[in-house]
Amino acid sequence: MSHMAACGRERRTAYCQKEPSSSQGNAIVAYVDSLATSVQRNEMTEPVAQRRWIEFGSSQVIAEGQLNAQQRSLTCRTYGNITNCN
């Protein structure tokens, strides 16, 4: 976990030198760092930290999908008394 955290931090630092960093990205780095620190302090095992990281990533993907679905505009067509929206 510590190697993954260090690699991610290095890649993000390089990216943020070209583009502005986001608060969401900062929060992700902080979360991964906290997982790595917990493993180093023997507060959790490596497999538990990896599972939490996967769960976190999955929850982010789900949340992003829900947001995208909410942001899509609906197209509605009315035929007589029936309205269909897509």
C-alpha atoms as a PDB file:
ATOM      1  CA  MET A   1       0.000   0.000   0.000  1.00  0.00           C
ATOM      2  CA  SER A   2       2.826   2.417   0.768  1.00  0.00           C
ATOM      3  CA  HIS A   3       4.356   1.856  -2.681  1.00  0.00           C
ATOM      4  CA  MET A   4       1.013   2.489  -4.348  1.00  0.00           C
ATOM      5  CA  ALA A   5       0.483   5.651  -2.280  1.00  0.00           C
ATOM      6  CA  ALA A   6       3.962   6.957  -3.139  1.00  0.00           C
ATOM      7  CA  CYS A   7       3.513   6.231  -6.843  1.00  0.00           C
ATOM      8  CA  GLY A   8       0.107   7.895  -6.915  1.00  0.00           C
ATOM      9  CA  ARG A   9       1.413  10.933  -5.060  1.00  0.00           C
ATOM     10  CA  GLU A  10       4.355  11.284  -7.492  1.00  0.00           C
ATOM     11  CA  ARG A  11       2.102  11.014 -10.554  1.00  0.00           C
ATOM     12  CA  ARG A  12      -0.379  13.490  -9.119  1.00  0.00           C
ATOM     13  CA  THR A  13       2.373  15.950  -8.218  1.00  0.00           C
ATOM     14  CA  ALA A  14       3.668  15.790 -11.787  1.00  0.00           C
ATOM     15  CA  TYR A  15       0.152  16.287 -13.159  1.00  0.00           C
ATOM     16  CA  CYS A  16      -0.592  19.179 -10.798  1.00  0.00           C
ATOM     17  CA  GLN A  17       2.487  21.018 -12.012  1.00  0.00           C
ATOM     18  CA  LYS A  18       0.728  21.279 -15.401  1.00  0.00           C
ATOM     19  CA  GLU A  19      -2.907  21.491 -14.281  1.00  0.00           C
ATOM     20  CA  PRO A  20      -4.509  22.849 -11.103  1.00  0.00           C
ATOM     21  CA  SER A  21      -5.162  20.287  -8.393  1.00  0.00           C
ATOM     22  CA  SER A  22      -8.679  19.579  -7.191  1.00  0.00           C
ATOM     23  CA  SER A  23     -10.016  19.219  -3.672  1.00  0.00           C
ATOM     24  CA  GLN A  24     -11.351  15.790  -4.641  1.00  0.00           C
ATOM     25  CA  GLY A  25      -7.877  14.704  -5.741  1.00  0.00           C
ATOM     26  CA  ASN A  26      -6.398  16.054  -2.507  1.00  0.00           C
ATOM     27  CA  ALA A  27      -8.946  14.036  -0.516  1.00  0.00           C
ATOM     28  CA  ILE A  28      -8.111  10.857  -2.452  1.00  0.00           C
ATOM     29  CA  VAL A  29      -4.383  11.288  -1.812  1.00  0.00           C
ATOM     30  CA  ALA A  30      -5.071  11.880   1.887  1.00  0.00           C
ATOM     31  CA  TYR A  31      -7.234   8.738   2.055  1.00  0.00           C
ATOM     32  CA  VAL A  32      -4.598   6.542   0.397  1.00  0.00           C
ATOM     33  CA  ASP A  33      -1.917   8.009   2.660  1.00  0.00           C
ATOM     34  CA  SER A  34      -4.052   7.203   5.703  1.00  0.00           C
ATOM     35  CA  LEU A  35      -4.465   3.604   4.534  1.00  0.00           C
ATOM     36  CA  ALA A  36      -0.712   3.260   3.989  1.00  0.00           C
ATOM     37  CA  THR A  37       0.014   4.755   7.406  1.00  0.00           C
ATOM     38  CA  SER A  38      -2.442   2.355   9.063  1.00  0.00           C
ATOM     39  CA  VAL A  39      -0.675  -0.588   7.415  1.00  0.00           C
ATOM     40  CA  GLN A  40       2.755   0.700   8.477  1.00  0.00           C
ATOM     41  CA  ARG A  41       1.528   1.067  12.086  1.00  0.00           C
ATOM     42  CA  ASN A  42       0.055  -2.447  11.969  1.00  0.00           C
ATOM     43  CA  GLU A  43      -3.416  -1.015  12.577  1.00  0.00           C
ATOM     44  CA  MET A  44      -4.696  -2.978   9.580  1.00  0.00           C
ATOM     45  CA  THR A  45      -3.288  -5.573   7.247  1.00  0.00           C
ATOM     46  CA  GLU A  46      -2.315  -4.952   3.644  1.00  0.00           C
ATOM     47  CA  PRO A  47      -5.260  -7.011   2.299  1.00  0.00           C
ATOM     48  CA  VAL A  48      -7.734  -5.030   4.435  1.00  0.00           C
ATOM     49  CA  ALA A  49      -6.267  -1.735   3.198  1.00  0.00           C
ATOM     50  CA  GLN A  50      -6.458  -2.922  -0.403  1.00  0.00           C
ATOM     51  CA  ARG A  51     -10.070  -4.004   0.075  1.00  0.00           C
ATOM     52  CA  ARG A  52     -10.956  -0.592   1.555  1.00  0.00           C
ATOM     53  CA  TRP A  53      -9.268   1.121  -1.395  1.00  0.00           C
ATOM     54  CA  ILE A  54     -11.267  -1.000  -3.850  1.00  0.00           C
ATOM     55  CA  GLU A  55     -14.495  -0.258  -1.961  1.00  0.00           C
ATOM     56  CA  PHE A  56     -13.666   3.455  -1.995  1.00  0.00           C
ATOM     57  CA  GLY A  57     -12.981   3.380  -5.731  1.00  0.00           C
ATOM     58  CA  SER A  58     -16.210   1.504  -6.389  1.00  0.00           C
ATOM     59  CA  SER A  59     -18.218   4.010  -4.363  1.00  0.00           C
ATOM     60  CA  GLN A  60     -16.645   6.870  -6.346  1.00  0.00           C
ATOM     61  CA  VAL A  61     -17.574   5.238  -9.655  1.00  0.00           C
ATOM     62  CA  ILE A  62     -21.151   4.690  -8.481  1.00  0.00           C
ATOM     63  CA  ALA A  63     -21.459   8.273  -7.225  1.00  0.00           C
ATOM     64  CA  GLU A  64     -20.079   9.641 -10.500  1.00  0.00           C
ATOM     65  CA  GLY A  65     -22.519   7.529 -12.493  1.00  0.00           C
ATOM     66  CA  GLN A  66     -25.436   8.779 -10.410  1.00  0.00           C
ATOM     67  CA  LEU A  67     -24.323  12.374 -10.875  1.00  0.00           C
ATOM     68  CA  ASN A  68     -23.992  11.900 -14.635  1.00  0.00           C
ATOM     69  CA  ALA A  69     -27.464  10.363 -14.776  1.00  0.00           C
ATOM     70  CA  GLN A  70     -28.905  13.338 -12.906  1.00  0.00           C
ATOM     71  CA  GLN A  71     -27.168  15.811 -15.188  1.00  0.00           C
ATOM     72  CA  ARG A  72     -28.414  14.269 -18.428  1.00  0.00           C
ATOM     73  CA  SER A  73     -31.244  16.199 -19.912  1.00  0.00           C
ATOM     74  CA  LEU A  74     -34.458  14.386 -20.697  1.00  0.00           C
ATOM     75  CA  THR A  75     -36.104  14.538 -24.071  1.00  0.00           C
ATOM     76  CA  CYS A  76     -39.859  14.202 -23.790  1.00  0.00           C
ATOM     77  CA  ARG A  77     -42.320  13.653 -26.609  1.00  0.00           C
ATOM     78  CA  THR A  78     -46.046  13.761 -26.299  1.00  0.00           C
ATOM     79  CA  TYR A  79     -48.286  11.676 -28.523  1.00  0.00           C
ATOM     80  CA  GLY A  80     -51.905  12.415 -27.787  1.00  0.00           C
ATOM     81  CA  ASN A  81     -52.396  11.824 -24.044  1.00  0.00           C
ATOM     82  CA  ILE A  82     -49.094   9.892 -23.621  1.00  0.00           C
ATOM     83  CA  THR A  83     -45.722  11.488 -22.834  1.00  0.00           C
ATOM     84  CA  ASN A  84     -42.497   9.475 -23.164  1.00  0.00           C
ATOM     85  CA  CYS A  85     -39.215  10.802 -21.772  1.00  0.00           C
ATOM     86  CA  ASN A  86     -35.729   9.445 -22.542  1.00  0.00           C
END
